Amino acid sequence: MRFPFTFMGALSLLFGAWVGAYTLLHKPADTATLAVELISAAILLGFGGYVVYRRLAGRSAA
């Protein structure tokens, strides 16, 4: 059952890039909001990168 994990990884990369681009284009009003946005983008990119790397390297993500 690899497809759901691969799909979740690709979607996480897409959402992480989207949140990061949105943060760069629309500056938040305070630093707490900026921190939440950047932390969530980093988590999404980290999870997505890990899953996609594992899939491309030939190892199962689950």
PDB file of N, CA and C in Angstrom:
ATOM      1  N   MET A   1       0.848  -1.182   0.000  1.00  0.00           N
ATOM      2  CA  MET A   1       0.000   0.000   0.000  1.00  0.00           C
ATOM      3  C   MET A   1       0.888   1.238   0.000  1.00  0.00           C
ATOM      4  N   ARG A   2       1.517   1.502  -1.132  1.00  0.00           N
ATOM      5  CA  ARG A   2       2.446   2.617  -1.211  1.00  0.00           C
ATOM      6  C   ARG A   2       1.810   3.887  -1.740  1.00  0.00           C
ATOM      7  N   PHE A   3       0.778   3.766  -2.550  1.00  0.00           N
ATOM      8  CA  PHE A   3       0.236   4.955  -3.205  1.00  0.00           C
ATOM      9  C   PHE A   3      -0.236   6.019  -2.222  1.00  0.00           C
ATOM     10  N   PRO A   4      -1.004   5.684  -1.173  1.00  0.00           N
ATOM     11  CA  PRO A   4      -1.455   6.769  -0.279  1.00  0.00           C
ATOM     12  C   PRO A   4      -0.290   7.527   0.360  1.00  0.00           C
ATOM     13  N   PHE A   5       0.778   6.823   0.710  1.00  0.00           N
ATOM     14  CA  PHE A   5       1.903   7.499   1.335  1.00  0.00           C
ATOM     15  C   PHE A   5       2.655   8.373   0.341  1.00  0.00           C
ATOM     16  N   THR A   6       2.798   7.885  -0.885  1.00  0.00           N
ATOM     17  CA  THR A   6       3.440   8.696  -1.922  1.00  0.00           C
ATOM     18  C   THR A   6       2.600   9.925  -2.222  1.00  0.00           C
ATOM     19  N   PHE A   7       1.297   9.753  -2.314  1.00  0.00           N
ATOM     20  CA  PHE A   7       0.391  10.870  -2.562  1.00  0.00           C
ATOM     21  C   PHE A   7       0.454  11.879  -1.416  1.00  0.00           C
ATOM     22  N   MET A   8       0.473  11.390  -0.174  1.00  0.00           N
ATOM     23  CA  MET A   8       0.561  12.286   0.983  1.00  0.00           C
ATOM     24  C   MET A   8       1.874  13.049   0.973  1.00  0.00           C
ATOM     25  N   GLY A   9       2.960  12.404   0.573  1.00  0.00           N
ATOM     26  CA  GLY A   9       4.255  13.074   0.510  1.00  0.00           C
ATOM     27  C   GLY A   9       4.276  14.158  -0.550  1.00  0.00           C
ATOM     28  N   ALA A  10       3.747  13.844  -1.737  1.00  0.00           N
ATOM     29  CA  ALA A  10       3.712  14.839  -2.808  1.00  0.00           C
ATOM     30  C   ALA A  10       2.799  16.002  -2.441  1.00  0.00           C
ATOM     31  N   LEU A  11       1.677  15.701  -1.826  1.00  0.00           N
ATOM     32  CA  LEU A  11       0.752  16.757  -1.408  1.00  0.00           C
ATOM     33  C   LEU A  11       1.366  17.612  -0.302  1.00  0.00           C
ATOM     34  N   SER A  12       2.122  17.014   0.588  1.00  0.00           N
ATOM     35  CA  SER A  12       2.800  17.775   1.634  1.00  0.00           C
ATOM     36  C   SER A  12       3.843  18.717   1.043  1.00  0.00           C
ATOM     37  N   LEU A  13       4.583  18.249   0.041  1.00  0.00           N
ATOM     38  CA  LEU A  13       5.540  19.126  -0.628  1.00  0.00           C
ATOM     39  C   LEU A  13       4.834  20.295  -1.302  1.00  0.00           C
ATOM     40  N   LEU A  14       3.702  20.007  -1.951  1.00  0.00           N
ATOM     41  CA  LEU A  14       2.941  21.052  -2.629  1.00  0.00           C
ATOM     42  C   LEU A  14       2.409  22.080  -1.625  1.00  0.00           C
ATOM     43  N   PHE A  15       1.806  21.617  -0.545  1.00  0.00           N
ATOM     44  CA  PHE A  15       1.262  22.538   0.464  1.00  0.00           C
ATOM     45  C   PHE A  15       2.363  23.315   1.169  1.00  0.00           C
ATOM     46  N   GLY A  16       3.486  22.668   1.454  1.00  0.00           N
ATOM     47  CA  GLY A  16       4.600  23.359   2.082  1.00  0.00           C
ATOM     48  C   GLY A  16       5.145  24.473   1.207  1.00  0.00           C
ATOM     49  N   ALA A  17       5.272  24.192  -0.091  1.00  0.00           N
ATOM     50  CA  ALA A  17       5.727  25.229  -1.022  1.00  0.00           C
ATOM     51  C   ALA A  17       4.701  26.350  -1.128  1.00  0.00           C
ATOM     52  N   TRP A  18       3.433  25.988  -1.103  1.00  0.00           N
ATOM     53  CA  TRP A  18       2.364  26.983  -1.193  1.00  0.00           C
ATOM     54  C   TRP A  18       2.372  27.905   0.032  1.00  0.00           C
ATOM     55  N   VAL A  19       2.475  27.326   1.218  1.00  0.00           N
ATOM     56  CA  VAL A  19       2.508  28.127   2.446  1.00  0.00           C
ATOM     57  C   VAL A  19       3.755  29.007   2.471  1.00  0.00           C
ATOM     58  N   GLY A  20       4.894  28.461   2.061  1.00  0.00           N
ATOM     59  CA  GLY A  20       6.122  29.244   2.025  1.00  0.00           C
ATOM     60  C   GLY A  20       6.042  30.403   1.049  1.00  0.00           C
ATOM     61  N   ALA A  21       5.506  30.152  -0.134  1.00  0.00           N
ATOM     62  CA  ALA A  21       5.363  31.223  -1.127  1.00  0.00           C
ATOM     63  C   ALA A  21       4.373  32.281  -0.655  1.00  0.00           C
ATOM     64  N   TYR A  22       3.290  31.847  -0.052  1.00  0.00           N
ATOM     65  CA  TYR A  22       2.300  32.798   0.458  1.00  0.00           C
ATOM     66  C   TYR A  22       2.904  33.670   1.548  1.00  0.00           C
ATOM     67  N   THR A  23       3.713  33.055   2.408  1.00  0.00           N
ATOM     68  CA  THR A  23       4.347  33.799   3.491  1.00  0.00           C
ATOM     69  C   THR A  23       5.324  34.835   2.945  1.00  0.00           C
ATOM     70  N   LEU A  24       6.058  34.464   1.911  1.00  0.00           N
ATOM     71  CA  LEU A  24       7.008  35.411   1.334  1.00  0.00           C
ATOM     72  C   LEU A  24       6.308  36.557   0.609  1.00  0.00           C
ATOM     73  N   LEU A  25       5.178  36.275  -0.032  1.00  0.00           N
ATOM     74  CA  LEU A  25       4.475  37.297  -0.800  1.00  0.00           C
ATOM     75  C   LEU A  25       3.589  38.199   0.055  1.00  0.00           C
ATOM     76  N   HIS A  26       3.032  37.662   1.127  1.00  0.00           N
ATOM     77  CA  HIS A  26       2.135  38.426   2.004  1.00  0.00           C
ATOM     78  C   HIS A  26       2.698  38.406   3.417  1.00  0.00           C
ATOM     79  N   LYS A  27       3.390  39.444   3.772  1.00  0.00           N
ATOM     80  CA  LYS A  27       4.026  39.501   5.089  1.00  0.00           C
ATOM     81  C   LYS A  27       2.966  39.574   6.189  1.00  0.00           C
ATOM     82  N   PRO A  28       3.073  38.706   7.208  1.00  0.00           N
ATOM     83  CA  PRO A  28       2.119  38.755   8.314  1.00  0.00           C
ATOM     84  C   PRO A  28       2.344  39.982   9.195  1.00  0.00           C
ATOM     85  N   ALA A  29       1.327  40.299   9.983  1.00  0.00           N
ATOM     86  CA  ALA A  29       1.357  41.493  10.825  1.00  0.00           C
ATOM     87  C   ALA A  29       2.281  41.332  12.033  1.00  0.00           C
ATOM     88  N   ASP A  30       2.362  40.130  12.583  1.00  0.00           N
ATOM     89  CA  ASP A  30       3.177  39.945  13.791  1.00  0.00           C
ATOM     90  C   ASP A  30       4.106  38.742  13.621  1.00  0.00           C
ATOM     91  N   THR A  31       5.039  38.635  14.552  1.00  0.00           N
ATOM     92  CA  THR A  31       6.048  37.582  14.450  1.00  0.00           C
ATOM     93  C   THR A  31       5.505  36.209  14.826  1.00  0.00           C
ATOM     94  N   ALA A  32       4.484  36.150  15.681  1.00  0.00           N
ATOM     95  CA  ALA A  32       3.906  34.860  16.060  1.00  0.00           C
ATOM     96  C   ALA A  32       3.257  34.190  14.850  1.00  0.00           C
ATOM     97  N   THR A  33       2.555  34.961  14.048  1.00  0.00           N
ATOM     98  CA  THR A  33       1.940  34.419  12.847  1.00  0.00           C
ATOM     99  C   THR A  33       3.004  33.957  11.862  1.00  0.00           C
ATOM    100  N   LEU A  34       4.047  34.732  11.714  1.00  0.00           N
ATOM    101  CA  LEU A  34       5.154  34.354  10.830  1.00  0.00           C
ATOM    102  C   LEU A  34       5.786  33.046  11.299  1.00  0.00           C
ATOM    103  N   ALA A  35       5.981  32.906  12.596  1.00  0.00           N
ATOM    104  CA  ALA A  35       6.583  31.690  13.138  1.00  0.00           C
ATOM    105  C   ALA A  35       5.696  30.476  12.881  1.00  0.00           C
ATOM    106  N   VAL A  36       4.401  30.605  13.094  1.00  0.00           N
ATOM    107  CA  VAL A  36       3.480  29.487  12.851  1.00  0.00           C
ATOM    108  C   VAL A  36       3.493  29.091  11.381  1.00  0.00           C
ATOM    109  N   GLU A  37       3.491  30.068  10.491  1.00  0.00           N
ATOM    110  CA  GLU A  37       3.498  29.772   9.061  1.00  0.00           C
ATOM    111  C   GLU A  37       4.797  29.090   8.637  1.00  0.00           C
ATOM    112  N   LEU A  38       5.924  29.589   9.106  1.00  0.00           N
ATOM    113  CA  LEU A  38       7.205  29.003   8.708  1.00  0.00           C
ATOM    114  C   LEU A  38       7.418  27.619   9.316  1.00  0.00           C
ATOM    115  N   ILE A  39       6.979  27.430  10.544  1.00  0.00           N
ATOM    116  CA  ILE A  39       7.105  26.112  11.178  1.00  0.00           C
ATOM    117  C   ILE A  39       6.234  25.092  10.459  1.00  0.00           C
ATOM    118  N   SER A  40       5.005  25.479  10.127  1.00  0.00           N
ATOM    119  CA  SER A  40       4.133  24.544   9.419  1.00  0.00           C
ATOM    120  C   SER A  40       4.683  24.223   8.033  1.00  0.00           C
ATOM    121  N   ALA A  41       5.226  25.205   7.338  1.00  0.00           N
ATOM    122  CA  ALA A  41       5.820  24.959   6.029  1.00  0.00           C
ATOM    123  C   ALA A  41       7.029  24.029   6.152  1.00  0.00           C
ATOM    124  N   ALA A  42       7.849  24.216   7.164  1.00  0.00           N
ATOM    125  CA  ALA A  42       9.024  23.361   7.358  1.00  0.00           C
ATOM    126  C   ALA A  42       8.614  21.926   7.674  1.00  0.00           C
ATOM    127  N   ILE A  43       7.593  21.750   8.484  1.00  0.00           N
ATOM    128  CA  ILE A  43       7.115  20.400   8.812  1.00  0.00           C
ATOM    129  C   ILE A  43       6.557  19.717   7.575  1.00  0.00           C
ATOM    130  N   LEU A  44       5.754  20.445   6.800  1.00  0.00           N
ATOM    131  CA  LEU A  44       5.191  19.872   5.580  1.00  0.00           C
ATOM    132  C   LEU A  44       6.286  19.493   4.587  1.00  0.00           C
ATOM    133  N   LEU A  45       7.246  20.376   4.377  1.00  0.00           N
ATOM    134  CA  LEU A  45       8.333  20.088   3.440  1.00  0.00           C
ATOM    135  C   LEU A  45       9.216  18.943   3.945  1.00  0.00           C
ATOM    136  N   GLY A  46       9.445  18.898   5.234  1.00  0.00           N
ATOM    137  CA  GLY A  46      10.250  17.815   5.797  1.00  0.00           C
ATOM    138  C   GLY A  46       9.581  16.460   5.655  1.00  0.00           C
ATOM    139  N   PHE A  47       8.304  16.388   5.984  1.00  0.00           N
ATOM    140  CA  PHE A  47       7.572  15.126   5.863  1.00  0.00           C
ATOM    141  C   PHE A  47       7.477  14.701   4.402  1.00  0.00           C
ATOM    142  N   GLY A  48       7.114  15.639   3.543  1.00  0.00           N
ATOM    143  CA  GLY A  48       6.977  15.321   2.129  1.00  0.00           C
ATOM    144  C   GLY A  48       8.294  14.893   1.510  1.00  0.00           C
ATOM    145  N   GLY A  49       9.353  15.595   1.849  1.00  0.00           N
ATOM    146  CA  GLY A  49      10.660  15.231   1.326  1.00  0.00           C
ATOM    147  C   GLY A  49      11.105  13.856   1.788  1.00  0.00           C
ATOM    148  N   TYR A  50      10.841  13.542   3.038  1.00  0.00           N
ATOM    149  CA  TYR A  50      11.200  12.232   3.578  1.00  0.00           C
ATOM    150  C   TYR A  50      10.449  11.116   2.851  1.00  0.00           C
ATOM    151  N   VAL A  51       9.149  11.278   2.686  1.00  0.00           N
ATOM    152  CA  VAL A  51       8.337  10.240   2.062  1.00  0.00           C
ATOM    153  C   VAL A  51       8.719  10.065   0.593  1.00  0.00           C
ATOM    154  N   VAL A  52       8.856  11.160  -0.130  1.00  0.00           N
ATOM    155  CA  VAL A  52       9.205  11.065  -1.546  1.00  0.00           C
ATOM    156  C   VAL A  52      10.615  10.506  -1.720  1.00  0.00           C
ATOM    157  N   TYR A  53      11.546  10.910  -0.876  1.00  0.00           N
ATOM    158  CA  TYR A  53      12.902  10.363  -0.945  1.00  0.00           C
ATOM    159  C   TYR A  53      12.891   8.855  -0.715  1.00  0.00           C
ATOM    160  N   ARG A  54      12.163   8.417   0.297  1.00  0.00           N
ATOM    161  CA  ARG A  54      12.096   6.989   0.583  1.00  0.00           C
ATOM    162  C   ARG A  54      11.491   6.225  -0.579  1.00  0.00           C
ATOM    163  N   ARG A  55      10.497   6.821  -1.215  1.00  0.00           N
ATOM    164  CA  ARG A  55       9.849   6.168  -2.358  1.00  0.00           C
ATOM    165  C   ARG A  55      10.810   6.091  -3.549  1.00  0.00           C
ATOM    166  N   LEU A  56      11.505   7.174  -3.831  1.00  0.00           N
ATOM    167  CA  LEU A  56      12.416   7.178  -4.972  1.00  0.00           C
ATOM    168  C   LEU A  56      13.666   6.345  -4.716  1.00  0.00           C
ATOM    169  N   ALA A  57      14.055   6.206  -3.473  1.00  0.00           N
ATOM    170  CA  ALA A  57      15.227   5.414  -3.128  1.00  0.00           C
ATOM    171  C   ALA A  57      14.934   3.911  -3.157  1.00  0.00           C
ATOM    172  N   GLY A  58      13.657   3.542  -3.276  1.00  0.00           N
ATOM    173  CA  GLY A  58      13.288   2.140  -3.376  1.00  0.00           C
ATOM    174  C   GLY A  58      12.910   1.494  -2.072  1.00  0.00           C
ATOM    175  N   ARG A  59      12.844   2.271  -1.024  1.00  0.00           N
ATOM    176  CA  ARG A  59      12.417   1.727   0.276  1.00  0.00           C
ATOM    177  C   ARG A  59      10.981   2.113   0.532  1.00  0.00           C
ATOM    178  N   SER A  60      10.268   1.278   1.234  1.00  0.00           N
ATOM    179  CA  SER A  60       8.872   1.557   1.559  1.00  0.00           C
ATOM    180  C   SER A  60       8.796   2.638   2.614  1.00  0.00           C
ATOM    181  N   ALA A  61       7.815   3.535   2.496  1.00  0.00           N
ATOM    182  CA  ALA A  61       7.657   4.627   3.455  1.00  0.00           C
ATOM    183  C   ALA A  61       6.913   4.182   4.689  1.00  0.00           C
ATOM    184  N   ALA A  62       6.246   3.049   4.638  1.00  0.00           N
ATOM    185  CA  ALA A  62       5.442   2.595   5.786  1.00  0.00           C
ATOM    186  C   ALA A  62       6.187   1.556   6.580  1.00  0.00           C
TER     187      ALA A  62
END
